[in-house]
N, C-alpha and C. Protein backbone atom coordinates (compact mmCIF):
# COMPACT_ATOMS: atom_id res chain seq x y z
N UNK A 1 24.49 -7.75 13.82
CA UNK A 1 23.06 -7.86 14.03
C UNK A 1 22.35 -7.54 12.72
N UNK A 2 21.37 -8.34 12.38
CA UNK A 2 20.62 -8.15 11.14
C UNK A 2 19.77 -6.88 11.23
N UNK A 3 19.58 -6.22 10.08
CA UNK A 3 18.72 -5.05 10.02
C UNK A 3 17.28 -5.48 10.26
N UNK A 4 16.50 -4.58 10.81
CA UNK A 4 15.09 -4.83 11.08
C UNK A 4 14.32 -4.92 9.76
N UNK A 5 13.37 -5.83 9.70
CA UNK A 5 12.43 -5.88 8.59
C UNK A 5 11.15 -5.23 9.07
N UNK A 6 10.70 -4.20 8.34
CA UNK A 6 9.51 -3.45 8.71
C UNK A 6 8.29 -4.06 8.01
N UNK A 7 7.25 -4.31 8.77
CA UNK A 7 5.99 -4.81 8.23
C UNK A 7 5.07 -3.63 7.95
N UNK A 8 4.50 -3.62 6.72
CA UNK A 8 3.65 -2.53 6.29
C UNK A 8 2.33 -3.11 5.77
N UNK A 9 1.23 -2.56 6.27
CA UNK A 9 -0.10 -2.97 5.81
C UNK A 9 -0.71 -1.82 5.03
N UNK A 10 -1.05 -2.09 3.77
CA UNK A 10 -1.75 -1.11 2.93
C UNK A 10 -3.23 -1.44 2.96
N UNK A 11 -4.03 -0.45 3.27
CA UNK A 11 -5.47 -0.65 3.41
C UNK A 11 -6.24 0.16 2.38
N UNK A 12 -7.22 -0.49 1.80
CA UNK A 12 -8.17 0.16 0.92
C UNK A 12 -9.53 -0.49 1.19
N UNK A 13 -10.59 0.10 0.75
CA UNK A 13 -11.91 -0.45 1.04
C UNK A 13 -12.05 -1.86 0.47
N UNK A 14 -11.85 -2.03 -0.84
CA UNK A 14 -12.10 -3.31 -1.49
C UNK A 14 -10.93 -4.26 -1.55
N UNK A 15 -9.72 -3.77 -1.29
CA UNK A 15 -8.51 -4.59 -1.40
C UNK A 15 -8.47 -5.35 -2.71
N UNK A 16 -8.68 -4.59 -3.80
CA UNK A 16 -8.67 -5.23 -5.12
C UNK A 16 -7.73 -4.54 -6.10
N UNK A 17 -7.33 -3.28 -5.83
CA UNK A 17 -6.51 -2.57 -6.81
C UNK A 17 -5.37 -1.81 -6.14
N UNK A 18 -5.65 -0.64 -5.56
CA UNK A 18 -4.58 0.22 -5.04
C UNK A 18 -3.74 -0.46 -3.97
N UNK A 19 -4.38 -1.10 -3.01
CA UNK A 19 -3.61 -1.75 -1.93
C UNK A 19 -2.82 -2.94 -2.46
N UNK A 20 -3.36 -3.61 -3.45
CA UNK A 20 -2.64 -4.73 -4.08
C UNK A 20 -1.41 -4.20 -4.82
N UNK A 21 -1.59 -3.10 -5.57
CA UNK A 21 -0.44 -2.50 -6.28
C UNK A 21 0.64 -2.10 -5.28
N UNK A 22 0.24 -1.45 -4.19
CA UNK A 22 1.21 -1.00 -3.18
C UNK A 22 1.93 -2.19 -2.55
N UNK A 23 1.20 -3.26 -2.26
CA UNK A 23 1.81 -4.46 -1.69
C UNK A 23 2.88 -5.01 -2.63
N UNK A 24 2.54 -5.16 -3.89
CA UNK A 24 3.49 -5.69 -4.86
C UNK A 24 4.71 -4.81 -5.04
N UNK A 25 4.47 -3.50 -5.11
CA UNK A 25 5.57 -2.56 -5.29
C UNK A 25 6.53 -2.56 -4.11
N UNK A 26 5.99 -2.48 -2.89
CA UNK A 26 6.88 -2.42 -1.72
C UNK A 26 7.61 -3.74 -1.52
N UNK A 27 6.96 -4.86 -1.75
CA UNK A 27 7.66 -6.13 -1.59
C UNK A 27 8.84 -6.24 -2.56
N UNK A 28 8.71 -5.65 -3.73
CA UNK A 28 9.81 -5.66 -4.69
C UNK A 28 10.86 -4.60 -4.33
N UNK A 29 10.42 -3.37 -4.18
CA UNK A 29 11.36 -2.26 -3.96
C UNK A 29 12.01 -2.31 -2.58
N UNK A 30 11.32 -2.90 -1.60
CA UNK A 30 11.85 -2.96 -0.24
C UNK A 30 13.00 -3.91 -0.06
N UNK A 31 13.24 -4.76 -1.04
CA UNK A 31 14.39 -5.66 -1.07
C UNK A 31 14.66 -6.35 0.26
N UNK A 32 13.60 -6.85 0.89
CA UNK A 32 13.76 -7.58 2.14
C UNK A 32 13.78 -6.72 3.39
N UNK A 33 13.98 -5.42 3.25
CA UNK A 33 13.93 -4.51 4.41
C UNK A 33 12.50 -4.28 4.85
N UNK A 34 11.56 -4.48 3.92
CA UNK A 34 10.14 -4.28 4.18
C UNK A 34 9.36 -5.50 3.71
N UNK A 35 8.33 -5.85 4.46
CA UNK A 35 7.40 -6.90 4.06
C UNK A 35 6.02 -6.24 4.00
N UNK A 36 5.44 -6.21 2.82
CA UNK A 36 4.16 -5.55 2.62
C UNK A 36 3.02 -6.55 2.61
N UNK A 37 1.89 -6.08 3.11
CA UNK A 37 0.64 -6.82 3.11
C UNK A 37 -0.45 -5.85 2.65
N UNK A 38 -1.60 -6.39 2.29
CA UNK A 38 -2.73 -5.52 1.96
C UNK A 38 -4.01 -6.14 2.48
N UNK A 39 -4.99 -5.28 2.71
CA UNK A 39 -6.29 -5.73 3.20
C UNK A 39 -7.32 -4.65 2.94
N UNK A 40 -8.58 -5.00 3.14
CA UNK A 40 -9.66 -4.04 2.93
C UNK A 40 -10.68 -4.07 4.05
N UNK A 41 -11.36 -2.96 4.22
CA UNK A 41 -12.43 -2.89 5.22
C UNK A 41 -13.66 -3.65 4.75
N UNK A 42 -13.89 -3.66 3.45
CA UNK A 42 -14.99 -4.40 2.83
C UNK A 42 -14.45 -5.05 1.55
N UNK A 43 -13.62 -6.08 1.70
CA UNK A 43 -12.96 -6.66 0.53
C UNK A 43 -13.95 -7.20 -0.50
N UNK A 44 -13.58 -7.03 -1.76
CA UNK A 44 -14.42 -7.50 -2.86
C UNK A 44 -14.36 -9.01 -3.01
N UNK A 45 -13.30 -9.62 -2.50
CA UNK A 45 -13.13 -11.06 -2.65
C UNK A 45 -12.36 -11.45 -3.90
N UNK A 46 -12.04 -10.46 -4.74
CA UNK A 46 -11.23 -10.76 -5.93
C UNK A 46 -10.32 -9.59 -6.23
N UNK A 47 -9.19 -9.89 -6.82
CA UNK A 47 -8.22 -8.88 -7.20
C UNK A 47 -8.56 -8.40 -8.61
N UNK A 48 -8.54 -7.10 -8.82
CA UNK A 48 -8.84 -6.51 -10.11
C UNK A 48 -7.81 -6.98 -11.14
N UNK A 49 -8.29 -7.46 -12.27
CA UNK A 49 -7.40 -7.97 -13.33
C UNK A 49 -6.44 -6.90 -13.85
N UNK A 50 -6.87 -5.65 -13.87
CA UNK A 50 -5.99 -4.57 -14.32
C UNK A 50 -4.85 -4.33 -13.33
N UNK A 51 -5.10 -4.54 -12.05
CA UNK A 51 -4.02 -4.41 -11.06
C UNK A 51 -2.94 -5.45 -11.33
N UNK A 52 -3.36 -6.67 -11.60
CA UNK A 52 -2.40 -7.74 -11.89
C UNK A 52 -1.68 -7.48 -13.21
N UNK A 53 -2.39 -6.98 -14.20
CA UNK A 53 -1.77 -6.65 -15.49
C UNK A 53 -0.74 -5.53 -15.31
N UNK A 54 -1.06 -4.55 -14.47
CA UNK A 54 -0.13 -3.44 -14.22
C UNK A 54 1.14 -3.95 -13.56
N UNK A 55 1.00 -4.80 -12.56
CA UNK A 55 2.18 -5.39 -11.91
C UNK A 55 3.02 -6.15 -12.93
N UNK A 56 2.35 -6.91 -13.77
CA UNK A 56 3.05 -7.67 -14.81
C UNK A 56 3.81 -6.74 -15.76
N UNK A 57 3.18 -5.65 -16.17
CA UNK A 57 3.83 -4.70 -17.07
C UNK A 57 5.02 -4.02 -16.40
N UNK A 58 5.02 -3.96 -15.07
CA UNK A 58 6.13 -3.38 -14.33
C UNK A 58 7.19 -4.44 -14.00
N UNK A 59 7.01 -5.65 -14.56
CA UNK A 59 7.93 -6.77 -14.35
C UNK A 59 8.00 -7.19 -12.89
N UNK A 60 6.83 -7.18 -12.22
CA UNK A 60 6.71 -7.61 -10.83
C UNK A 60 5.83 -8.84 -10.77
N UNK A 61 5.97 -9.65 -9.73
CA UNK A 61 5.09 -10.81 -9.60
C UNK A 61 3.62 -10.39 -9.63
N UNK A 62 2.82 -11.16 -10.35
CA UNK A 62 1.39 -10.84 -10.46
C UNK A 62 0.51 -12.00 -10.00
N UNK A 63 1.09 -12.91 -9.24
CA UNK A 63 0.31 -14.03 -8.70
C UNK A 63 0.46 -14.06 -7.18
N UNK A 64 -0.46 -14.76 -6.55
CA UNK A 64 -0.39 -14.93 -5.10
C UNK A 64 -1.13 -13.88 -4.31
N UNK A 65 -1.76 -12.93 -4.97
CA UNK A 65 -2.51 -11.89 -4.27
C UNK A 65 -3.94 -12.35 -4.02
N UNK A 66 -4.54 -11.86 -2.93
CA UNK A 66 -5.94 -12.14 -2.69
C UNK A 66 -6.56 -10.97 -1.93
N UNK A 67 -7.83 -10.77 -2.18
CA UNK A 67 -8.59 -9.72 -1.51
C UNK A 67 -9.04 -10.26 -0.15
N UNK A 68 -8.63 -9.57 0.93
CA UNK A 68 -8.92 -10.08 2.27
C UNK A 68 -9.31 -8.96 3.22
N UNK A 69 -9.96 -9.32 4.31
CA UNK A 69 -10.43 -8.37 5.30
C UNK A 69 -9.31 -7.95 6.23
N UNK A 70 -9.34 -6.70 6.63
CA UNK A 70 -8.30 -6.18 7.53
C UNK A 70 -8.33 -6.83 8.89
N UNK A 71 -9.43 -7.49 9.24
CA UNK A 71 -9.51 -8.19 10.53
C UNK A 71 -8.43 -9.27 10.66
N UNK A 72 -7.96 -9.81 9.53
CA UNK A 72 -6.90 -10.82 9.57
C UNK A 72 -5.64 -10.28 10.25
N UNK A 73 -5.43 -8.98 10.14
CA UNK A 73 -4.20 -8.38 10.65
C UNK A 73 -4.35 -7.78 12.05
N UNK A 74 -5.55 -7.89 12.60
CA UNK A 74 -5.79 -7.41 13.96
C UNK A 74 -5.79 -8.58 14.96
N UNK A 75 -5.63 -9.79 14.45
CA UNK A 75 -5.62 -10.98 15.31
C UNK A 75 -4.29 -11.10 16.04
N UNK A 76 -4.31 -11.82 17.15
CA UNK A 76 -3.11 -11.95 17.98
C UNK A 76 -1.98 -12.70 17.26
N UNK A 77 -2.30 -13.57 16.32
CA UNK A 77 -1.26 -14.33 15.62
C UNK A 77 -0.81 -13.67 14.31
N UNK A 78 -1.32 -12.48 14.02
CA UNK A 78 -0.94 -11.77 12.80
C UNK A 78 0.44 -11.13 12.98
N UNK A 79 1.15 -10.89 11.88
CA UNK A 79 2.44 -10.19 12.00
C UNK A 79 2.22 -8.80 12.61
N UNK A 80 3.13 -8.38 13.46
CA UNK A 80 3.04 -7.04 14.05
C UNK A 80 3.41 -6.01 12.98
N UNK A 81 2.55 -5.03 12.80
CA UNK A 81 2.77 -4.01 11.78
C UNK A 81 3.56 -2.84 12.36
N UNK A 82 4.49 -2.35 11.56
CA UNK A 82 5.23 -1.14 11.90
C UNK A 82 4.54 0.09 11.31
N UNK A 83 3.88 -0.11 10.15
CA UNK A 83 3.19 0.96 9.46
C UNK A 83 1.86 0.44 8.93
N UNK A 84 0.82 1.26 9.02
CA UNK A 84 -0.47 0.97 8.40
C UNK A 84 -0.81 2.20 7.57
N UNK A 85 -0.92 2.01 6.26
CA UNK A 85 -1.12 3.11 5.32
C UNK A 85 -2.41 2.91 4.53
N UNK A 86 -3.31 3.88 4.62
CA UNK A 86 -4.52 3.82 3.81
C UNK A 86 -4.21 4.43 2.45
N UNK A 87 -4.73 3.81 1.39
CA UNK A 87 -4.45 4.29 0.04
C UNK A 87 -5.70 4.70 -0.71
N UNK A 88 -6.85 4.71 -0.04
CA UNK A 88 -8.06 5.23 -0.67
C UNK A 88 -8.81 6.10 0.32
N UNK A 89 -9.57 7.04 -0.21
CA UNK A 89 -10.24 8.01 0.64
C UNK A 89 -11.27 7.38 1.57
N UNK A 90 -11.99 6.38 1.12
CA UNK A 90 -13.01 5.77 1.97
C UNK A 90 -12.39 5.11 3.20
N UNK A 91 -11.31 4.39 3.04
CA UNK A 91 -10.70 3.69 4.17
C UNK A 91 -10.12 4.66 5.18
N UNK A 92 -9.68 5.83 4.74
CA UNK A 92 -9.07 6.80 5.65
C UNK A 92 -10.07 7.31 6.67
N UNK A 93 -11.34 7.38 6.30
CA UNK A 93 -12.35 7.90 7.20
C UNK A 93 -13.04 6.84 8.03
N UNK A 94 -12.72 5.59 7.83
CA UNK A 94 -13.36 4.51 8.56
C UNK A 94 -12.67 4.26 9.89
N UNK A 95 -13.42 3.68 10.79
CA UNK A 95 -12.85 3.30 12.08
C UNK A 95 -12.07 2.02 11.85
N UNK A 96 -10.77 2.09 12.08
CA UNK A 96 -9.90 0.93 11.87
C UNK A 96 -9.84 0.08 13.12
N UNK A 97 -9.50 -1.19 12.95
CA UNK A 97 -9.27 -2.03 14.12
C UNK A 97 -8.11 -1.47 14.94
N UNK A 98 -7.99 -1.90 16.15
CA UNK A 98 -6.84 -1.54 16.97
C UNK A 98 -5.72 -2.47 16.54
N UNK A 99 -4.64 -1.89 16.05
CA UNK A 99 -3.53 -2.69 15.56
C UNK A 99 -2.58 -2.99 16.72
N UNK A 100 -2.25 -4.25 16.93
CA UNK A 100 -1.29 -4.59 17.99
C UNK A 100 0.03 -3.85 17.78
N UNK A 101 0.58 -3.32 18.84
CA UNK A 101 1.87 -2.63 18.77
C UNK A 101 1.77 -1.18 18.38
N UNK A 102 0.59 -0.68 18.11
CA UNK A 102 0.37 0.72 17.72
C UNK A 102 1.33 1.18 16.62
N UNK A 103 1.16 0.67 15.40
CA UNK A 103 2.03 1.07 14.30
C UNK A 103 1.81 2.53 13.90
N UNK A 104 2.77 3.07 13.18
CA UNK A 104 2.63 4.41 12.61
C UNK A 104 1.58 4.33 11.51
N UNK A 105 0.77 5.37 11.40
CA UNK A 105 -0.28 5.38 10.38
C UNK A 105 -0.20 6.65 9.55
N UNK A 106 -0.64 6.54 8.31
CA UNK A 106 -0.71 7.69 7.42
C UNK A 106 -1.70 7.39 6.31
N UNK A 107 -2.19 8.46 5.70
CA UNK A 107 -3.10 8.33 4.56
C UNK A 107 -2.36 8.73 3.29
N UNK A 108 -2.28 7.78 2.36
CA UNK A 108 -1.65 8.02 1.06
C UNK A 108 -2.69 7.89 -0.04
N UNK A 109 -3.80 8.56 0.09
CA UNK A 109 -4.91 8.41 -0.84
C UNK A 109 -4.57 8.68 -2.30
N UNK A 110 -5.07 7.81 -3.15
CA UNK A 110 -4.98 7.99 -4.60
C UNK A 110 -6.34 7.65 -5.19
N UNK A 111 -6.65 8.24 -6.33
CA UNK A 111 -7.93 7.98 -6.98
C UNK A 111 -8.05 6.50 -7.35
N UNK A 112 -9.27 6.01 -7.31
CA UNK A 112 -9.53 4.61 -7.62
C UNK A 112 -9.44 4.40 -9.13
N UNK A 113 -8.44 3.68 -9.61
CA UNK A 113 -8.31 3.50 -11.06
C UNK A 113 -9.44 2.67 -11.64
N UNK A 114 -10.07 1.83 -10.84
CA UNK A 114 -11.17 1.00 -11.33
C UNK A 114 -12.44 1.83 -11.57
N UNK A 115 -12.51 3.01 -10.99
CA UNK A 115 -13.69 3.86 -11.15
C UNK A 115 -13.72 4.55 -12.51
N UNK A 116 -12.63 4.47 -13.27
CA UNK A 116 -12.53 5.17 -14.54
C UNK A 116 -12.61 4.24 -15.74
N UNK A 117 -13.16 3.05 -15.56
CA UNK A 117 -13.21 2.09 -16.67
C UNK A 117 -14.05 2.62 -17.81
N UNK A 118 -13.38 2.98 -18.88
CA UNK A 118 -14.05 3.47 -20.08
C UNK A 118 -13.67 2.55 -21.24
N UNK A 119 -12.40 2.49 -21.52
CA UNK A 119 -11.87 1.59 -22.54
C UNK A 119 -10.70 0.85 -21.91
N UNK A 120 -10.31 -0.26 -22.51
CA UNK A 120 -9.17 -1.01 -21.98
C UNK A 120 -7.92 -0.14 -21.91
N UNK A 121 -7.66 0.62 -22.97
CA UNK A 121 -6.46 1.46 -23.03
C UNK A 121 -6.49 2.54 -21.94
N UNK A 122 -7.62 3.21 -21.78
CA UNK A 122 -7.73 4.27 -20.77
C UNK A 122 -7.63 3.69 -19.35
N UNK A 123 -8.22 2.53 -19.15
CA UNK A 123 -8.16 1.89 -17.83
C UNK A 123 -6.74 1.45 -17.52
N UNK A 124 -6.07 0.86 -18.48
CA UNK A 124 -4.67 0.46 -18.27
C UNK A 124 -3.81 1.67 -17.94
N UNK A 125 -4.04 2.78 -18.60
CA UNK A 125 -3.28 4.00 -18.35
C UNK A 125 -3.57 4.53 -16.93
N UNK A 126 -4.83 4.48 -16.52
CA UNK A 126 -5.20 4.94 -15.18
C UNK A 126 -4.54 4.06 -14.11
N UNK A 127 -4.53 2.77 -14.31
CA UNK A 127 -3.88 1.86 -13.35
C UNK A 127 -2.38 2.11 -13.29
N UNK A 128 -1.75 2.35 -14.45
CA UNK A 128 -0.31 2.62 -14.46
C UNK A 128 -0.01 3.94 -13.75
N UNK A 129 -0.84 4.96 -13.98
CA UNK A 129 -0.64 6.24 -13.29
C UNK A 129 -0.73 6.06 -11.78
N UNK A 130 -1.70 5.29 -11.33
CA UNK A 130 -1.86 5.01 -9.90
C UNK A 130 -0.64 4.27 -9.37
N UNK A 131 -0.18 3.27 -10.10
CA UNK A 131 0.99 2.50 -9.67
C UNK A 131 2.23 3.39 -9.60
N UNK A 132 2.40 4.30 -10.55
CA UNK A 132 3.57 5.18 -10.54
C UNK A 132 3.53 6.17 -9.36
N UNK A 133 2.34 6.64 -9.02
CA UNK A 133 2.20 7.52 -7.86
C UNK A 133 2.56 6.76 -6.59
N UNK A 134 2.04 5.55 -6.45
CA UNK A 134 2.36 4.72 -5.28
C UNK A 134 3.85 4.38 -5.25
N UNK A 135 4.42 4.08 -6.41
CA UNK A 135 5.85 3.75 -6.49
C UNK A 135 6.69 4.92 -5.99
N UNK A 136 6.35 6.13 -6.40
CA UNK A 136 7.11 7.31 -5.97
C UNK A 136 7.02 7.49 -4.46
N UNK A 137 5.84 7.31 -3.90
CA UNK A 137 5.67 7.44 -2.45
C UNK A 137 6.47 6.36 -1.71
N UNK A 138 6.44 5.16 -2.23
CA UNK A 138 7.19 4.07 -1.61
C UNK A 138 8.69 4.36 -1.68
N UNK A 139 9.15 4.86 -2.82
CA UNK A 139 10.58 5.21 -2.93
C UNK A 139 10.97 6.27 -1.90
N UNK A 140 10.10 7.24 -1.68
CA UNK A 140 10.38 8.27 -0.67
C UNK A 140 10.45 7.64 0.73
N UNK A 141 9.56 6.72 1.01
CA UNK A 141 9.57 6.03 2.30
C UNK A 141 10.86 5.22 2.46
N UNK A 142 11.25 4.53 1.41
CA UNK A 142 12.45 3.71 1.46
C UNK A 142 13.72 4.55 1.65
N UNK A 143 13.67 5.80 1.24
CA UNK A 143 14.83 6.69 1.37
C UNK A 143 14.97 7.26 2.79
N UNK A 144 13.94 7.10 3.62
CA UNK A 144 14.02 7.64 4.98
C UNK A 144 15.05 6.87 5.80
N UNK A 145 15.87 7.57 6.57
CA UNK A 145 16.83 6.89 7.46
C UNK A 145 16.12 6.46 8.75
N UNK A 146 15.26 5.45 8.64
CA UNK A 146 14.39 5.05 9.75
C UNK A 146 15.15 4.77 11.05
N UNK A 147 16.32 4.17 10.94
CA UNK A 147 17.08 3.82 12.15
C UNK A 147 17.60 5.06 12.88
N UNK A 148 17.68 6.18 12.18
CA UNK A 148 18.23 7.40 12.78
C UNK A 148 17.16 8.42 13.19
N UNK A 149 15.89 8.14 12.86
CA UNK A 149 14.81 9.08 13.17
C UNK A 149 14.03 8.62 14.39
N UNK A 150 13.54 9.58 15.18
CA UNK A 150 12.66 9.20 16.29
C UNK A 150 11.26 8.99 15.74
N UNK A 151 10.39 8.41 16.54
CA UNK A 151 9.06 8.03 16.07
C UNK A 151 8.23 9.23 15.61
N UNK A 152 8.37 10.37 16.26
CA UNK A 152 7.62 11.56 15.83
C UNK A 152 8.07 12.03 14.45
N UNK A 153 9.35 11.98 14.19
CA UNK A 153 9.87 12.40 12.89
C UNK A 153 9.42 11.42 11.80
N UNK A 154 9.46 10.14 12.10
CA UNK A 154 9.01 9.13 11.12
C UNK A 154 7.54 9.34 10.82
N UNK A 155 6.72 9.54 11.85
CA UNK A 155 5.29 9.75 11.66
C UNK A 155 5.04 10.96 10.77
N UNK A 156 5.74 12.05 11.01
CA UNK A 156 5.58 13.27 10.21
C UNK A 156 5.99 13.01 8.76
N UNK A 157 7.11 12.32 8.58
CA UNK A 157 7.61 12.05 7.22
C UNK A 157 6.66 11.17 6.43
N UNK A 158 6.14 10.10 7.04
CA UNK A 158 5.25 9.22 6.26
C UNK A 158 3.92 9.90 5.96
N UNK A 159 3.48 10.79 6.84
CA UNK A 159 2.26 11.56 6.54
C UNK A 159 2.52 12.53 5.39
N UNK A 160 3.68 13.17 5.39
CA UNK A 160 4.01 14.10 4.32
C UNK A 160 4.13 13.40 2.97
N UNK A 161 4.61 12.18 2.97
CA UNK A 161 4.74 11.41 1.73
C UNK A 161 3.38 11.26 1.07
N UNK A 162 2.32 11.14 1.85
CA UNK A 162 0.97 10.99 1.32
C UNK A 162 0.50 12.20 0.53
N UNK A 163 1.21 13.30 0.65
CA UNK A 163 0.85 14.51 -0.08
C UNK A 163 1.49 14.58 -1.46
N UNK A 164 2.41 13.65 -1.75
CA UNK A 164 3.07 13.60 -3.05
C UNK A 164 2.04 13.08 -4.06
N UNK A 165 1.70 13.89 -5.05
CA UNK A 165 0.60 13.56 -5.96
C UNK A 165 0.99 12.72 -7.17
N UNK A 166 2.02 13.10 -7.85
CA UNK A 166 2.37 12.42 -9.10
C UNK A 166 3.80 11.96 -9.09
N UNK A 167 4.03 10.87 -9.77
CA UNK A 167 5.39 10.37 -9.93
C UNK A 167 6.12 11.29 -10.92
N UNK A 168 7.41 11.47 -10.69
CA UNK A 168 8.21 12.25 -11.64
C UNK A 168 8.29 11.47 -12.94
N UNK A 169 7.92 12.12 -14.01
CA UNK A 169 7.91 11.41 -15.29
C UNK A 169 8.77 12.09 -16.31
């Protein structure tokens, strides 16, 4: 029997930077065990160029992303989510749609790298720091023995992962 593929939705307000980075990272690191998506409560309609540059610098695909509303994933024909993870503080406090199947949820908030635009070099560094923090959290999630844990243990573990602040450097 084939292993289960887990669907994960990363949510941020604008769906232009953090959630896009998380989507790209998990789709690469999950190696087919996970399928990542991203969306926003108030999408900007465009993906931040620094997010795409960061993915490129990490040797990950940097095309095919789009800023979209989370309502797309609450429809009856949307993929059923196993996990819904907020990656920005604003989205964590918002009333989310009712997700079909009642997926596990957690808040993995990270600072908005787009809010620190000062110089190209400083902005690129901020985006890379954000990506590395998300990468570390995703690696911790990927290390969980999901098939052997009950739902309460999984819920506790993914919430605890959100408390990991910095990637080991």
